Every structure is written in structure tokens, then in C-alpha cells.
């Protein structure tokens, strides 16, 4: 059985999640992110995934639940997009 693609925590909090990869040519790299898990509030839950290509960050918030009527993306407290669940930041 391969590695799990999800992990359920027992309580809300901040968790440091790290990924370490090794390639066939012995290249090794690590990336860590602080993931904040908040307690559920009402009938909605904000969620997003991301990928990085060069200096561009691609964002996808379509995993959010509830009757979402607006999507406001912020980088360092600055609004960078309000166009919908998918966007990118340069």
C-alpha cells in the first residue's frame, strides 16, 4: 500500500508538514509548510491547494465547501485576486 494522500488530525491547531524527496540522480530537497486547521464554523469550510512553477504560484480553492459566493485571495495581507476559486500569483 502506498502513502496516504490525507491525514486527519484530532483537534484544531497549527501543524508543520514536510515533504522530502529524493531523485534517481541522488538529488534531495525538502519543503515544509505550516498548516492551520481551524474548528468548523457553520456550514462552510475554506480550503485550497497550490502548486509552484518557477516564480508563479497556482492556487485552487475549489475544495472549499458551502454555498461560496466570493473568493478573496490574499498574499501578505494584500488582496491579489477576487476572480474565483482558481487564480495565480506572480
PDB file of N, CA and C in Angstrom:
ATOM      1  N   UNK A   1       0.846  -1.180   0.000  1.00  0.00           N
ATOM      2  CA  UNK A   1       0.000   0.000   0.000  1.00  0.00           C
ATOM      3  C   UNK A   1       0.891   1.243   0.000  1.00  0.00           C
ATOM      4  N   UNK A   2       0.567   2.224  -0.840  1.00  0.00           N
ATOM      5  CA  UNK A   2       1.344   3.456  -0.935  1.00  0.00           C
ATOM      6  C   UNK A   2       1.017   4.409   0.190  1.00  0.00           C
ATOM      7  N   UNK A   3       1.703   5.543   0.218  1.00  0.00           N
ATOM      8  CA  UNK A   3       1.464   6.537   1.262  1.00  0.00           C
ATOM      9  C   UNK A   3       0.059   7.119   1.149  1.00  0.00           C
ATOM     10  N   UNK A   4      -0.483   7.553   2.273  1.00  0.00           N
ATOM     11  CA  UNK A   4      -1.825   8.148   2.300  1.00  0.00           C
ATOM     12  C   UNK A   4      -1.791   9.532   1.664  1.00  0.00           C
ATOM     13  N   UNK A   5      -2.903   9.925   1.024  1.00  0.00           N
ATOM     14  CA  UNK A   5      -2.977  11.266   0.454  1.00  0.00           C
ATOM     15  C   UNK A   5      -3.761  12.208   1.353  1.00  0.00           C
ATOM     16  N   UNK A   6      -4.083  11.766   2.567  1.00  0.00           N
ATOM     17  CA  UNK A   6      -4.741  12.630   3.535  1.00  0.00           C
ATOM     18  C   UNK A   6      -4.368  12.191   4.946  1.00  0.00           C
ATOM     19  N   UNK A   7      -4.549  13.102   5.868  1.00  0.00           N
ATOM     20  CA  UNK A   7      -4.267  12.817   7.273  1.00  0.00           C
ATOM     21  C   UNK A   7      -5.273  13.588   8.102  1.00  0.00           C
ATOM     22  N   UNK A   8      -5.958  12.926   8.993  1.00  0.00           N
ATOM     23  CA  UNK A   8      -6.958  13.575   9.850  1.00  0.00           C
ATOM     24  C   UNK A   8      -6.349  13.820  11.223  1.00  0.00           C
ATOM     25  N   UNK A   9      -6.441  15.072  11.672  1.00  0.00           N
ATOM     26  CA  UNK A   9      -5.921  15.428  12.995  1.00  0.00           C
ATOM     27  C   UNK A   9      -7.048  15.350  14.015  1.00  0.00           C
ATOM     28  N   UNK A  10      -6.683  15.253  15.285  1.00  0.00           N
ATOM     29  CA  UNK A  10      -7.671  15.117  16.344  1.00  0.00           C
ATOM     30  C   UNK A  10      -8.259  16.438  16.805  1.00  0.00           C
ATOM     31  N   UNK A  11      -7.547  17.546  16.546  1.00  0.00           N
ATOM     32  CA  UNK A  11      -8.039  18.832  17.020  1.00  0.00           C
ATOM     33  C   UNK A  11      -7.485  19.961  16.166  1.00  0.00           C
ATOM     34  N   UNK A  12      -8.114  21.123  16.272  1.00  0.00           N
ATOM     35  CA  UNK A  12      -7.654  22.310  15.563  1.00  0.00           C
ATOM     36  C   UNK A  12      -6.276  22.704  16.091  1.00  0.00           C
ATOM     37  N   UNK A  13      -5.465  23.326  15.244  1.00  0.00           N
ATOM     38  CA  UNK A  13      -4.135  23.774  15.645  1.00  0.00           C
ATOM     39  C   UNK A  13      -3.266  24.015  14.431  1.00  0.00           C
ATOM     40  N   UNK A  14      -2.001  24.339  14.667  1.00  0.00           N
ATOM     41  CA  UNK A  14      -1.034  24.549  13.600  1.00  0.00           C
ATOM     42  C   UNK A  14      -0.087  23.364  13.570  1.00  0.00           C
ATOM     43  N   UNK A  15       0.073  22.802  12.387  1.00  0.00           N
ATOM     44  CA  UNK A  15       0.911  21.621  12.210  1.00  0.00           C
ATOM     45  C   UNK A  15       1.954  21.904  11.130  1.00  0.00           C
ATOM     46  N   UNK A  16       3.215  21.574  11.409  1.00  0.00           N
ATOM     47  CA  UNK A  16       4.252  21.697  10.393  1.00  0.00           C
ATOM     48  C   UNK A  16       4.277  20.401   9.598  1.00  0.00           C
ATOM     49  N   UNK A  17       4.029  20.510   8.293  1.00  0.00           N
ATOM     50  CA  UNK A  17       4.015  19.361   7.398  1.00  0.00           C
ATOM     51  C   UNK A  17       5.193  19.508   6.448  1.00  0.00           C
ATOM     52  N   UNK A  18       6.005  18.453   6.324  1.00  0.00           N
ATOM     53  CA  UNK A  18       7.191  18.495   5.472  1.00  0.00           C
ATOM     54  C   UNK A  18       7.144  17.363   4.444  1.00  0.00           C
ATOM     55  N   UNK A  19       7.702  17.627   3.287  1.00  0.00           N
ATOM     56  CA  UNK A  19       7.883  16.636   2.240  1.00  0.00           C
ATOM     57  C   UNK A  19       9.355  16.605   1.880  1.00  0.00           C
ATOM     58  N   UNK A  20       9.943  15.431   1.901  1.00  0.00           N
ATOM     59  CA  UNK A  20      11.337  15.251   1.494  1.00  0.00           C
ATOM     60  C   UNK A  20      11.334  14.321   0.285  1.00  0.00           C
ATOM     61  N   UNK A  21      11.949  14.763  -0.806  1.00  0.00           N
ATOM     62  CA  UNK A  21      12.025  13.921  -1.995  1.00  0.00           C
ATOM     63  C   UNK A  21      13.475  13.599  -2.313  1.00  0.00           C
ATOM     64  N   UNK A  22      13.683  12.466  -2.956  1.00  0.00           N
ATOM     65  CA  UNK A  22      14.991  12.075  -3.468  1.00  0.00           C
ATOM     66  C   UNK A  22      14.777  11.567  -4.885  1.00  0.00           C
ATOM     67  N   UNK A  23      15.628  12.017  -5.816  1.00  0.00           N
ATOM     68  CA  UNK A  23      15.505  11.588  -7.206  1.00  0.00           C
ATOM     69  C   UNK A  23      16.472  10.452  -7.497  1.00  0.00           C
ATOM     70  N   UNK A  24      16.314   9.871  -8.665  1.00  0.00           N
ATOM     71  CA  UNK A  24      17.189   8.777  -9.085  1.00  0.00           C
ATOM     72  C   UNK A  24      18.646   9.227  -9.167  1.00  0.00           C
ATOM     73  N   UNK A  25      18.873  10.521  -9.416  1.00  0.00           N
ATOM     74  CA  UNK A  25      20.242  11.037  -9.518  1.00  0.00           C
ATOM     75  C   UNK A  25      20.771  11.526  -8.175  1.00  0.00           C
ATOM     76  N   UNK A  26      20.121  11.110  -7.066  1.00  0.00           N
ATOM     77  CA  UNK A  26      20.559  11.422  -5.706  1.00  0.00           C
ATOM     78  C   UNK A  26      20.339  12.876  -5.301  1.00  0.00           C
ATOM     79  N   UNK A  27      19.525  13.634  -6.056  1.00  0.00           N
ATOM     80  CA  UNK A  27      19.156  14.993  -5.655  1.00  0.00           C
ATOM     81  C   UNK A  27      18.110  14.876  -4.552  1.00  0.00           C
ATOM     82  N   UNK A  28      18.274  15.677  -3.496  1.00  0.00           N
ATOM     83  CA  UNK A  28      17.346  15.636  -2.373  1.00  0.00           C
ATOM     84  C   UNK A  28      16.864  17.050  -2.088  1.00  0.00           C
ATOM     85  N   UNK A  29      15.560  17.193  -1.802  1.00  0.00           N
ATOM     86  CA  UNK A  29      15.022  18.505  -1.478  1.00  0.00           C
ATOM     87  C   UNK A  29      13.904  18.342  -0.452  1.00  0.00           C
ATOM     88  N   UNK A  30      13.724  19.384   0.356  1.00  0.00           N
ATOM     89  CA  UNK A  30      12.722  19.389   1.413  1.00  0.00           C
ATOM     90  C   UNK A  30      11.912  20.668   1.325  1.00  0.00           C
ATOM     91  N   UNK A  31      10.603  20.558   1.541  1.00  0.00           N
ATOM     92  CA  UNK A  31       9.738  21.721   1.662  1.00  0.00           C
ATOM     93  C   UNK A  31       8.841  21.486   2.873  1.00  0.00           C
ATOM     94  N   UNK A  32       8.655  22.529   3.691  1.00  0.00           N
ATOM     95  CA  UNK A  32       7.798  22.442   4.870  1.00  0.00           C
ATOM     96  C   UNK A  32       6.801  23.594   4.835  1.00  0.00           C
ATOM     97  N   UNK A  33       5.593  23.329   5.275  1.00  0.00           N
ATOM     98  CA  UNK A  33       4.547  24.347   5.355  1.00  0.00           C
ATOM     99  C   UNK A  33       3.866  24.232   6.706  1.00  0.00           C
ATOM    100  N   UNK A  34       3.513  25.366   7.294  1.00  0.00           N
ATOM    101  CA  UNK A  34       2.677  25.361   8.485  1.00  0.00           C
ATOM    102  C   UNK A  34       1.231  25.318   8.022  1.00  0.00           C
ATOM    103  N   UNK A  35       0.515  24.280   8.407  1.00  0.00           N
ATOM    104  CA  UNK A  35      -0.876  24.105   8.034  1.00  0.00           C
ATOM    105  C   UNK A  35      -1.737  24.400   9.252  1.00  0.00           C
ATOM    106  N   UNK A  36      -2.644  25.365   9.100  1.00  0.00           N
ATOM    107  CA  UNK A  36      -3.530  25.754  10.196  1.00  0.00           C
ATOM    108  C   UNK A  36      -4.865  25.052   9.995  1.00  0.00           C
ATOM    109  N   UNK A  37      -5.253  24.263  10.974  1.00  0.00           N
ATOM    110  CA  UNK A  37      -6.540  23.575  10.956  1.00  0.00           C
ATOM    111  C   UNK A  37      -7.436  24.295  11.957  1.00  0.00           C
ATOM    112  N   UNK A  38      -8.522  24.883  11.448  1.00  0.00           N
ATOM    113  CA  UNK A  38      -9.435  25.617  12.306  1.00  0.00           C
ATOM    114  C   UNK A  38     -10.662  24.767  12.576  1.00  0.00           C
ATOM    115  N   UNK A  39     -11.286  25.014  13.711  1.00  0.00           N
ATOM    116  CA  UNK A  39     -12.508  24.280  14.018  1.00  0.00           C
ATOM    117  C   UNK A  39     -13.597  24.697  13.039  1.00  0.00           C
ATOM    118  N   UNK A  40     -14.464  23.762  12.696  1.00  0.00           N
ATOM    119  CA  UNK A  40     -15.552  24.013  11.752  1.00  0.00           C
ATOM    120  C   UNK A  40     -16.484  25.072  12.312  1.00  0.00           C
ATOM    121  N   UNK A  41     -16.867  26.008  11.461  1.00  0.00           N
ATOM    122  CA  UNK A  41     -17.791  27.064  11.862  1.00  0.00           C
ATOM    123  C   UNK A  41     -18.941  27.079  10.859  1.00  0.00           C
ATOM    124  N   UNK A  42     -20.104  26.674  11.280  1.00  0.00           N
ATOM    125  CA  UNK A  42     -21.267  26.724  10.400  1.00  0.00           C
ATOM    126  C   UNK A  42     -21.187  25.704   9.282  1.00  0.00           C
ATOM    127  N   UNK A  43     -21.718  26.102   8.127  1.00  0.00           N
ATOM    128  CA  UNK A  43     -21.839  25.177   7.013  1.00  0.00           C
ATOM    129  C   UNK A  43     -20.838  25.455   5.894  1.00  0.00           C
ATOM    130  N   UNK A  44     -19.701  26.073   6.230  1.00  0.00           N
ATOM    131  CA  UNK A  44     -18.706  26.320   5.185  1.00  0.00           C
ATOM    132  C   UNK A  44     -17.304  26.021   5.715  1.00  0.00           C
ATOM    133  N   UNK A  45     -16.409  25.747   4.784  1.00  0.00           N
ATOM    134  CA  UNK A  45     -15.025  25.470   5.142  1.00  0.00           C
ATOM    135  C   UNK A  45     -14.123  25.919   3.993  1.00  0.00           C
ATOM    136  N   UNK A  46     -13.253  26.917   4.248  1.00  0.00           N
ATOM    137  CA  UNK A  46     -12.311  27.378   3.232  1.00  0.00           C
ATOM    138  C   UNK A  46     -11.177  26.371   3.112  1.00  0.00           C
ATOM    139  N   UNK A  47     -10.780  26.106   1.894  1.00  0.00           N
ATOM    140  CA  UNK A  47      -9.748  25.101   1.615  1.00  0.00           C
ATOM    141  C   UNK A  47      -9.079  25.467   0.302  1.00  0.00           C
ATOM    142  N   UNK A  48      -7.757  25.257   0.193  1.00  0.00           N
ATOM    143  CA  UNK A  48      -7.123  25.436  -1.111  1.00  0.00           C
ATOM    144  C   UNK A  48      -5.896  24.554  -1.237  1.00  0.00           C
ATOM    145  N   UNK A  49      -5.551  24.256  -2.480  1.00  0.00           N
ATOM    146  CA  UNK A  49      -4.310  23.566  -2.805  1.00  0.00           C
ATOM    147  C   UNK A  49      -3.491  24.512  -3.675  1.00  0.00           C
ATOM    148  N   UNK A  50      -2.206  24.219  -3.805  1.00  0.00           N
ATOM    149  CA  UNK A  50      -1.354  25.095  -4.607  1.00  0.00           C
ATOM    150  C   UNK A  50      -0.256  24.291  -5.273  1.00  0.00           C
ATOM    151  N   UNK A  51       0.288  24.860  -6.336  1.00  0.00           N
ATOM    152  CA  UNK A  51       1.484  24.313  -6.974  1.00  0.00           C
ATOM    153  C   UNK A  51       2.342  25.497  -7.395  1.00  0.00           C
ATOM    154  N   UNK A  52       3.623  25.261  -7.525  1.00  0.00           N
ATOM    155  CA  UNK A  52       4.566  26.313  -7.881  1.00  0.00           C
ATOM    156  C   UNK A  52       5.284  25.919  -9.164  1.00  0.00           C
ATOM    157  N   UNK A  53       5.347  26.848 -10.123  1.00  0.00           N
ATOM    158  CA  UNK A  53       6.064  26.647 -11.376  1.00  0.00           C
ATOM    159  C   UNK A  53       6.957  27.869 -11.564  1.00  0.00           C
ATOM    160  N   UNK A  54       8.244  27.709 -11.319  1.00  0.00           N
ATOM    161  CA  UNK A  54       9.154  28.851 -11.361  1.00  0.00           C
ATOM    162  C   UNK A  54       8.796  29.822 -10.260  1.00  0.00           C
ATOM    163  N   UNK A  55       8.463  31.058 -10.639  1.00  0.00           N
ATOM    164  CA  UNK A  55       8.089  32.072  -9.656  1.00  0.00           C
ATOM    165  C   UNK A  55       6.580  32.296  -9.598  1.00  0.00           C
ATOM    166  N   UNK A  56       5.799  31.419 -10.246  1.00  0.00           N
ATOM    167  CA  UNK A  56       4.349  31.546 -10.267  1.00  0.00           C
ATOM    168  C   UNK A  56       3.726  30.534  -9.318  1.00  0.00           C
ATOM    169  N   UNK A  57       2.827  31.004  -8.459  1.00  0.00           N
ATOM    170  CA  UNK A  57       2.086  30.143  -7.537  1.00  0.00           C
ATOM    171  C   UNK A  57       0.673  29.985  -8.094  1.00  0.00           C
ATOM    172  N   UNK A  58       0.266  28.759  -8.389  1.00  0.00           N
ATOM    173  CA  UNK A  58      -1.077  28.469  -8.868  1.00  0.00           C
ATOM    174  C   UNK A  58      -1.932  28.022  -7.685  1.00  0.00           C
ATOM    175  N   UNK A  59      -3.089  28.647  -7.515  1.00  0.00           N
ATOM    176  CA  UNK A  59      -3.960  28.405  -6.371  1.00  0.00           C
ATOM    177  C   UNK A  59      -5.297  27.846  -6.835  1.00  0.00           C
ATOM    178  N   UNK A  60      -5.835  26.890  -6.073  1.00  0.00           N
ATOM    179  CA  UNK A  60      -7.120  26.284  -6.402  1.00  0.00           C
ATOM    180  C   UNK A  60      -7.927  26.113  -5.123  1.00  0.00           C
ATOM    181  N   UNK A  61      -8.982  26.899  -4.970  1.00  0.00           N
ATOM    182  CA  UNK A  61      -9.824  26.847  -3.787  1.00  0.00           C
ATOM    183  C   UNK A  61     -11.111  26.080  -3.990  1.00  0.00           C
ATOM    184  N   UNK A  62     -11.180  25.269  -5.055  1.00  0.00           N
ATOM    185  CA  UNK A  62     -12.429  24.571  -5.356  1.00  0.00           C
ATOM    186  C   UNK A  62     -12.773  23.489  -4.340  1.00  0.00           C
ATOM    187  N   UNK A  63     -11.852  23.137  -3.432  1.00  0.00           N
ATOM    188  CA  UNK A  63     -12.160  22.159  -2.386  1.00  0.00           C
ATOM    189  C   UNK A  63     -12.954  22.798  -1.239  1.00  0.00           C
ATOM    190  N   UNK A  64     -13.131  24.122  -1.264  1.00  0.00           N
ATOM    191  CA  UNK A  64     -13.934  24.801  -0.241  1.00  0.00           C
ATOM    192  C   UNK A  64     -15.375  24.307  -0.316  1.00  0.00           C
ATOM    193  N   UNK A  65     -16.039  24.273   0.835  1.00  0.00           N
ATOM    194  CA  UNK A  65     -17.406  23.760   0.871  1.00  0.00           C
ATOM    195  C   UNK A  65     -18.382  24.836   1.320  1.00  0.00           C
ATOM    196  N   UNK A  66     -19.633  24.635   0.975  1.00  0.00           N
ATOM    197  CA  UNK A  66     -20.693  25.577   1.293  1.00  0.00           C
ATOM    198  C   UNK A  66     -21.124  26.310   0.035  1.00  0.00           C
ATOM    199  N   UNK A  67     -22.076  27.179   0.155  1.00  0.00           N
ATOM    200  CA  UNK A  67     -22.579  27.959  -0.971  1.00  0.00           C
ATOM    201  C   UNK A  67     -21.710  29.207  -1.120  1.00  0.00           C
ATOM    202  N   UNK A  68     -20.482  29.017  -1.639  1.00  0.00           N
ATOM    203  CA  UNK A  68     -19.495  30.099  -1.721  1.00  0.00           C
ATOM    204  C   UNK A  68     -19.947  31.133  -2.747  1.00  0.00           C
ATOM    205  N   UNK A  69     -19.971  32.404  -2.347  1.00  0.00           N
ATOM    206  CA  UNK A  69     -20.371  33.489  -3.246  1.00  0.00           C
ATOM    207  C   UNK A  69     -19.234  34.444  -3.566  1.00  0.00           C
ATOM    208  N   UNK A  70     -18.116  34.367  -2.833  1.00  0.00           N
ATOM    209  CA  UNK A  70     -16.967  35.214  -3.158  1.00  0.00           C
ATOM    210  C   UNK A  70     -15.676  34.485  -2.797  1.00  0.00           C
ATOM    211  N   UNK A  71     -14.663  34.782  -3.554  1.00  0.00           N
ATOM    212  CA  UNK A  71     -13.329  34.204  -3.365  1.00  0.00           C
ATOM    213  C   UNK A  71     -12.351  35.369  -3.290  1.00  0.00           C
ATOM    214  N   UNK A  72     -11.723  35.602  -2.130  1.00  0.00           N
ATOM    215  CA  UNK A  72     -10.772  36.695  -1.953  1.00  0.00           C
ATOM    216  C   UNK A  72      -9.421  36.114  -1.564  1.00  0.00           C
ATOM    217  N   UNK A  73      -8.453  36.232  -2.460  1.00  0.00           N
ATOM    218  CA  UNK A  73      -7.111  35.682  -2.250  1.00  0.00           C
ATOM    219  C   UNK A  73      -6.185  36.799  -1.762  1.00  0.00           C
ATOM    220  N   UNK A  74      -5.440  36.526  -0.697  1.00  0.00           N
ATOM    221  CA  UNK A  74      -4.518  37.497  -0.120  1.00  0.00           C
ATOM    222  C   UNK A  74      -3.106  36.926  -0.095  1.00  0.00           C
ATOM    223  N   UNK A  75      -2.118  37.784  -0.347  1.00  0.00           N
ATOM    224  CA  UNK A  75      -0.705  37.446  -0.170  1.00  0.00           C
ATOM    225  C   UNK A  75      -0.125  38.501   0.743  1.00  0.00           C
ATOM    226  N   UNK A  76       0.412  38.084   1.888  1.00  0.00           N
ATOM    227  CA  UNK A  76       0.984  39.033   2.855  1.00  0.00           C
ATOM    228  C   UNK A  76       0.013  40.171   3.159  1.00  0.00           C
ATOM    229  N   UNK A  77      -1.237  39.836   3.420  1.00  0.00           N
ATOM    230  CA  UNK A  77      -2.297  40.782   3.780  1.00  0.00           C
ATOM    231  C   UNK A  77      -2.752  41.696   2.641  1.00  0.00           C
ATOM    232  N   UNK A  78      -2.272  41.499   1.412  1.00  0.00           N
ATOM    233  CA  UNK A  78      -2.709  42.295   0.266  1.00  0.00           C
ATOM    234  C   UNK A  78      -3.621  41.451  -0.606  1.00  0.00           C
ATOM    235  N   UNK A  79      -4.798  41.994  -0.969  1.00  0.00           N
ATOM    236  CA  UNK A  79      -5.706  41.304  -1.869  1.00  0.00           C
ATOM    237  C   UNK A  79      -5.047  41.176  -3.238  1.00  0.00           C
ATOM    238  N   UNK A  80      -4.929  39.958  -3.738  1.00  0.00           N
ATOM    239  CA  UNK A  80      -4.292  39.748  -5.046  1.00  0.00           C
ATOM    240  C   UNK A  80      -5.275  39.266  -6.093  1.00  0.00           C
ATOM    241  N   UNK A  81      -6.433  38.725  -5.676  1.00  0.00           N
ATOM    242  CA  UNK A  81      -7.422  38.271  -6.647  1.00  0.00           C
ATOM    243  C   UNK A  81      -8.769  38.089  -5.957  1.00  0.00           C
ATOM    244  N   UNK A  82      -9.829  38.372  -6.714  1.00  0.00           N
ATOM    245  CA  UNK A  82     -11.174  38.065  -6.260  1.00  0.00           C
ATOM    246  C   UNK A  82     -11.998  37.504  -7.420  1.00  0.00           C
ATOM    247  N   UNK A  83     -11.318  36.813  -8.330  1.00  0.00           N
ATOM    248  CA  UNK A  83     -11.947  36.358  -9.573  1.00  0.00           C
ATOM    249  C   UNK A  83     -12.567  34.976  -9.493  1.00  0.00           C
ATOM    250  N   UNK A  84     -12.362  34.238  -8.426  1.00  0.00           N
ATOM    251  CA  UNK A  84     -12.969  32.919  -8.348  1.00  0.00           C
ATOM    252  C   UNK A  84     -12.078  31.938  -7.616  1.00  0.00           C
ATOM    253  N   UNK A  85     -12.441  30.656  -7.698  1.00  0.00           N
ATOM    254  CA  UNK A  85     -11.712  29.649  -6.916  1.00  0.00           C
ATOM    255  C   UNK A  85     -10.315  29.337  -7.438  1.00  0.00           C
ATOM    256  N   UNK A  86     -10.025  29.665  -8.707  1.00  0.00           N
ATOM    257  CA  UNK A  86      -8.693  29.382  -9.240  1.00  0.00           C
ATOM    258  C   UNK A  86      -8.035  30.684  -9.680  1.00  0.00           C
ATOM    259  N   UNK A  87      -6.760  30.844  -9.318  1.00  0.00           N
ATOM    260  CA  UNK A  87      -6.016  32.037  -9.687  1.00  0.00           C
ATOM    261  C   UNK A  87      -4.525  31.719  -9.629  1.00  0.00           C
ATOM    262  N   UNK A  88      -3.712  32.695  -9.951  1.00  0.00           N
ATOM    263  CA  UNK A  88      -2.264  32.535  -9.808  1.00  0.00           C
ATOM    264  C   UNK A  88      -1.648  33.851  -9.377  1.00  0.00           C
ATOM    265  N   UNK A  89      -0.492  33.751  -8.737  1.00  0.00           N
ATOM    266  CA  UNK A  89       0.249  34.899  -8.243  1.00  0.00           C
ATOM    267  C   UNK A  89       1.638  34.849  -8.847  1.00  0.00           C
ATOM    268  N   UNK A  90       2.076  35.959  -9.378  1.00  0.00           N
ATOM    269  CA  UNK A  90       3.437  36.042  -9.932  1.00  0.00           C
ATOM    270  C   UNK A  90       4.375  36.586  -8.894  1.00  0.00           C
TER     271      UNK A  90
END
